[in-house]
Amino acid sequence: MKQSSVVISVLLAAMFGLCSLGWAGEMKAKMEELKGDTKAKVEEVKGEAKAAVEEAKGNKVQAEVERAKGKGNAAMEKAKGKVKELKAKTE
């Protein structure tokens, strides 16, 4: 009786340990995804702010360039976040 309860306890501890590690990986992956999305939004807002400054100066072409740079940086940050998310899922 005592030996079977020890075996069951060990199995339960092992299963719980593995499950909690899986949950930790999912949480880390979700955090990386959220950080990537947040950084992407920040870059897009920076581009819009620079574009607004350029439009106020009367430089419409430069405003479009700044807007495009902001969108490009946002896409890059989002991609970085996705890579980090996938890396966290595989750990």
N, C-alpha and C. Protein backbone atom coordinates (compact mmCIF):
# COMPACT_ATOMS: atom_id res chain seq x y z
N MET A 1 0.82 -1.20 0.00
CA MET A 1 0.00 0.00 0.00
C MET A 1 0.86 1.25 0.00
N LYS A 2 1.86 1.25 0.83
CA LYS A 2 2.72 2.43 0.94
C LYS A 2 3.51 2.64 -0.35
N GLN A 3 3.97 1.55 -0.97
CA GLN A 3 4.76 1.66 -2.20
C GLN A 3 3.90 2.20 -3.35
N SER A 4 2.66 1.79 -3.45
CA SER A 4 1.80 2.28 -4.53
C SER A 4 1.47 3.76 -4.34
N SER A 5 1.32 4.20 -3.11
CA SER A 5 1.04 5.62 -2.89
C SER A 5 2.25 6.47 -3.22
N VAL A 6 3.46 5.94 -2.99
CA VAL A 6 4.68 6.67 -3.36
C VAL A 6 4.77 6.78 -4.88
N VAL A 7 4.49 5.71 -5.59
CA VAL A 7 4.54 5.71 -7.05
C VAL A 7 3.52 6.70 -7.61
N ILE A 8 2.32 6.69 -7.06
CA ILE A 8 1.28 7.61 -7.53
C ILE A 8 1.68 9.05 -7.25
N SER A 9 2.26 9.29 -6.09
CA SER A 9 2.70 10.65 -5.75
C SER A 9 3.78 11.13 -6.71
N VAL A 10 4.72 10.25 -7.03
CA VAL A 10 5.79 10.63 -7.96
C VAL A 10 5.22 10.92 -9.34
N LEU A 11 4.30 10.10 -9.81
CA LEU A 11 3.69 10.32 -11.12
C LEU A 11 2.91 11.62 -11.16
N LEU A 12 2.16 11.90 -10.12
CA LEU A 12 1.40 13.14 -10.07
C LEU A 12 2.32 14.36 -10.04
N ALA A 13 3.39 14.27 -9.28
CA ALA A 13 4.35 15.38 -9.22
C ALA A 13 5.00 15.62 -10.58
N ALA A 14 5.35 14.54 -11.26
CA ALA A 14 5.97 14.66 -12.59
C ALA A 14 5.00 15.28 -13.58
N MET A 15 3.75 14.81 -13.57
CA MET A 15 2.75 15.35 -14.50
C MET A 15 2.48 16.82 -14.20
N PHE A 16 2.36 17.17 -12.94
CA PHE A 16 2.11 18.57 -12.57
C PHE A 16 3.28 19.45 -12.97
N GLY A 17 4.50 18.95 -12.78
CA GLY A 17 5.69 19.71 -13.15
C GLY A 17 5.76 19.97 -14.64
N LEU A 18 5.46 18.96 -15.42
CA LEU A 18 5.49 19.13 -16.88
C LEU A 18 4.39 20.06 -17.35
N CYS A 19 3.23 19.96 -16.75
CA CYS A 19 2.12 20.84 -17.14
C CYS A 19 2.45 22.29 -16.82
N SER A 20 3.03 22.52 -15.64
CA SER A 20 3.32 23.90 -15.27
C SER A 20 4.40 24.49 -16.17
N LEU A 21 5.35 23.65 -16.62
CA LEU A 21 6.36 24.14 -17.56
C LEU A 21 5.70 24.51 -18.88
N GLY A 22 4.73 23.72 -19.33
CA GLY A 22 4.02 24.03 -20.56
C GLY A 22 3.26 25.33 -20.45
N TRP A 23 2.63 25.55 -19.31
CA TRP A 23 1.90 26.79 -19.10
C TRP A 23 2.83 27.98 -19.07
N ALA A 24 4.01 27.81 -18.48
CA ALA A 24 4.98 28.90 -18.43
C ALA A 24 5.41 29.28 -19.84
N GLY A 25 5.62 28.28 -20.69
CA GLY A 25 6.01 28.55 -22.07
C GLY A 25 4.93 29.29 -22.82
N GLU A 26 3.68 28.91 -22.59
CA GLU A 26 2.57 29.60 -23.25
C GLU A 26 2.46 31.04 -22.77
N MET A 27 2.67 31.25 -21.48
CA MET A 27 2.60 32.61 -20.94
C MET A 27 3.71 33.48 -21.54
N LYS A 28 4.91 32.92 -21.61
CA LYS A 28 6.03 33.66 -22.19
C LYS A 28 5.76 33.99 -23.65
N ALA A 29 5.22 33.03 -24.37
CA ALA A 29 4.90 33.24 -25.79
C ALA A 29 3.87 34.36 -25.95
N LYS A 30 2.86 34.33 -25.10
CA LYS A 30 1.82 35.37 -25.17
C LYS A 30 2.40 36.74 -24.84
N MET A 31 3.30 36.79 -23.84
CA MET A 31 3.94 38.06 -23.47
C MET A 31 4.78 38.59 -24.63
N GLU A 32 5.51 37.71 -25.31
CA GLU A 32 6.33 38.15 -26.45
C GLU A 32 5.46 38.67 -27.57
N GLU A 33 4.32 38.01 -27.79
CA GLU A 33 3.40 38.48 -28.83
C GLU A 33 2.86 39.87 -28.48
N LEU A 34 2.47 40.04 -27.23
CA LEU A 34 1.94 41.35 -26.80
C LEU A 34 3.00 42.43 -26.88
N LYS A 35 4.24 42.10 -26.50
CA LYS A 35 5.32 43.09 -26.59
C LYS A 35 5.57 43.48 -28.04
N GLY A 36 5.55 42.51 -28.95
CA GLY A 36 5.75 42.81 -30.36
C GLY A 36 4.65 43.70 -30.91
N ASP A 37 3.40 43.41 -30.54
CA ASP A 37 2.28 44.23 -31.00
C ASP A 37 2.38 45.65 -30.44
N THR A 38 2.76 45.75 -29.17
CA THR A 38 2.88 47.08 -28.55
C THR A 38 3.97 47.90 -29.20
N LYS A 39 5.12 47.27 -29.43
CA LYS A 39 6.22 47.98 -30.08
C LYS A 39 5.84 48.40 -31.50
N ALA A 40 5.08 47.56 -32.18
CA ALA A 40 4.63 47.89 -33.53
C ALA A 40 3.72 49.12 -33.51
N LYS A 41 2.81 49.16 -32.55
CA LYS A 41 1.91 50.31 -32.45
C LYS A 41 2.69 51.58 -32.12
N VAL A 42 3.70 51.46 -31.27
CA VAL A 42 4.52 52.62 -30.90
C VAL A 42 5.24 53.15 -32.14
N GLU A 43 5.82 52.27 -32.93
CA GLU A 43 6.54 52.69 -34.13
C GLU A 43 5.60 53.37 -35.12
N GLU A 44 4.39 52.84 -35.24
CA GLU A 44 3.43 53.44 -36.16
C GLU A 44 3.02 54.84 -35.68
N VAL A 45 2.82 54.98 -34.38
CA VAL A 45 2.46 56.29 -33.82
C VAL A 45 3.61 57.28 -34.00
N LYS A 46 4.85 56.82 -33.83
CA LYS A 46 6.01 57.69 -34.05
C LYS A 46 6.03 58.21 -35.48
N GLY A 47 5.77 57.29 -36.43
CA GLY A 47 5.73 57.69 -37.83
C GLY A 47 4.64 58.70 -38.11
N GLU A 48 3.47 58.48 -37.52
CA GLU A 48 2.36 59.44 -37.70
C GLU A 48 2.70 60.80 -37.09
N ALA A 49 3.37 60.79 -35.94
CA ALA A 49 3.75 62.06 -35.30
C ALA A 49 4.75 62.83 -36.16
N LYS A 50 5.72 62.11 -36.68
CA LYS A 50 6.71 62.77 -37.55
C LYS A 50 6.04 63.27 -38.83
N ALA A 51 5.08 62.50 -39.33
CA ALA A 51 4.36 62.92 -40.53
C ALA A 51 3.54 64.18 -40.25
N ALA A 52 2.94 64.25 -39.09
CA ALA A 52 2.16 65.44 -38.73
C ALA A 52 3.05 66.67 -38.65
N VAL A 53 4.26 66.51 -38.11
CA VAL A 53 5.20 67.63 -38.02
C VAL A 53 5.58 68.09 -39.42
N GLU A 54 5.86 67.14 -40.29
CA GLU A 54 6.24 67.48 -41.67
C GLU A 54 5.09 68.15 -42.42
N GLU A 55 3.87 67.68 -42.19
CA GLU A 55 2.72 68.31 -42.84
C GLU A 55 2.53 69.73 -42.33
N ALA A 56 2.79 69.93 -41.05
CA ALA A 56 2.68 71.28 -40.49
C ALA A 56 3.71 72.22 -41.12
N LYS A 57 4.86 71.67 -41.48
CA LYS A 57 5.88 72.47 -42.15
C LYS A 57 5.55 72.68 -43.62
N GLY A 58 4.61 71.90 -44.14
CA GLY A 58 4.23 72.03 -45.55
C GLY A 58 4.90 71.02 -46.45
N ASN A 59 5.60 70.06 -45.88
CA ASN A 59 6.31 69.02 -46.66
C ASN A 59 5.45 67.77 -46.75
N LYS A 60 4.58 67.74 -47.75
CA LYS A 60 3.68 66.59 -47.89
C LYS A 60 4.42 65.33 -48.30
N VAL A 61 5.42 65.46 -49.15
CA VAL A 61 6.18 64.30 -49.60
C VAL A 61 6.94 63.69 -48.43
N GLN A 62 7.62 64.54 -47.65
CA GLN A 62 8.36 64.05 -46.50
C GLN A 62 7.42 63.43 -45.46
N ALA A 63 6.21 63.97 -45.35
CA ALA A 63 5.22 63.41 -44.43
C ALA A 63 4.86 61.99 -44.83
N GLU A 64 4.68 61.77 -46.12
CA GLU A 64 4.38 60.41 -46.59
C GLU A 64 5.56 59.47 -46.37
N VAL A 65 6.78 59.99 -46.54
CA VAL A 65 7.98 59.18 -46.28
C VAL A 65 8.02 58.76 -44.82
N GLU A 66 7.76 59.69 -43.91
CA GLU A 66 7.77 59.39 -42.47
C GLU A 66 6.68 58.39 -42.11
N ARG A 67 5.52 58.54 -42.73
CA ARG A 67 4.42 57.62 -42.48
C ARG A 67 4.79 56.21 -42.95
N ALA A 68 5.41 56.12 -44.10
CA ALA A 68 5.83 54.82 -44.64
C ALA A 68 6.92 54.19 -43.78
N LYS A 69 7.87 55.03 -43.31
CA LYS A 69 8.91 54.52 -42.43
C LYS A 69 8.31 53.98 -41.13
N GLY A 70 7.33 54.67 -40.60
CA GLY A 70 6.66 54.22 -39.38
C GLY A 70 5.97 52.88 -39.57
N LYS A 71 5.29 52.74 -40.71
CA LYS A 71 4.61 51.48 -41.00
C LYS A 71 5.61 50.35 -41.23
N GLY A 72 6.72 50.67 -41.88
CA GLY A 72 7.77 49.66 -42.09
C GLY A 72 8.39 49.21 -40.78
N ASN A 73 8.68 50.17 -39.90
CA ASN A 73 9.23 49.82 -38.60
C ASN A 73 8.23 49.01 -37.77
N ALA A 74 6.96 49.36 -37.90
CA ALA A 74 5.91 48.63 -37.18
C ALA A 74 5.85 47.18 -37.65
N ALA A 75 5.93 46.98 -38.94
CA ALA A 75 5.90 45.62 -39.48
C ALA A 75 7.12 44.82 -39.01
N MET A 76 8.27 45.48 -38.95
CA MET A 76 9.49 44.81 -38.49
C MET A 76 9.36 44.42 -37.01
N GLU A 77 8.84 45.31 -36.18
CA GLU A 77 8.68 45.01 -34.76
C GLU A 77 7.67 43.87 -34.54
N LYS A 78 6.62 43.87 -35.35
CA LYS A 78 5.62 42.81 -35.24
C LYS A 78 6.23 41.46 -35.63
N ALA A 79 7.06 41.47 -36.68
CA ALA A 79 7.72 40.24 -37.10
C ALA A 79 8.69 39.75 -36.03
N LYS A 80 9.43 40.67 -35.42
CA LYS A 80 10.34 40.28 -34.34
C LYS A 80 9.56 39.65 -33.19
N GLY A 81 8.43 40.24 -32.86
CA GLY A 81 7.59 39.70 -31.79
C GLY A 81 7.10 38.31 -32.12
N LYS A 82 6.75 38.09 -33.38
CA LYS A 82 6.26 36.77 -33.81
C LYS A 82 7.37 35.73 -33.71
N VAL A 83 8.59 36.12 -34.10
CA VAL A 83 9.72 35.20 -34.01
C VAL A 83 9.98 34.84 -32.56
N LYS A 84 9.97 35.83 -31.67
CA LYS A 84 10.20 35.56 -30.25
C LYS A 84 9.08 34.71 -29.67
N GLU A 85 7.85 34.94 -30.13
CA GLU A 85 6.72 34.13 -29.67
C GLU A 85 6.91 32.68 -30.06
N LEU A 86 7.27 32.43 -31.32
CA LEU A 86 7.47 31.06 -31.79
C LEU A 86 8.64 30.40 -31.07
N LYS A 87 9.68 31.18 -30.80
CA LYS A 87 10.83 30.65 -30.07
C LYS A 87 10.42 30.25 -28.66
N ALA A 88 9.61 31.07 -28.01
CA ALA A 88 9.15 30.76 -26.65
C ALA A 88 8.27 29.52 -26.64
N LYS A 89 7.48 29.34 -27.68
CA LYS A 89 6.61 28.15 -27.75
C LYS A 89 7.42 26.87 -27.89
N THR A 90 8.56 26.96 -28.57
CA THR A 90 9.36 25.75 -28.79
C THR A 90 10.29 25.43 -27.62
N GLU A 91 10.45 26.37 -26.70
CA GLU A 91 11.33 26.11 -25.55
C GLU A 91 10.70 25.18 -24.56
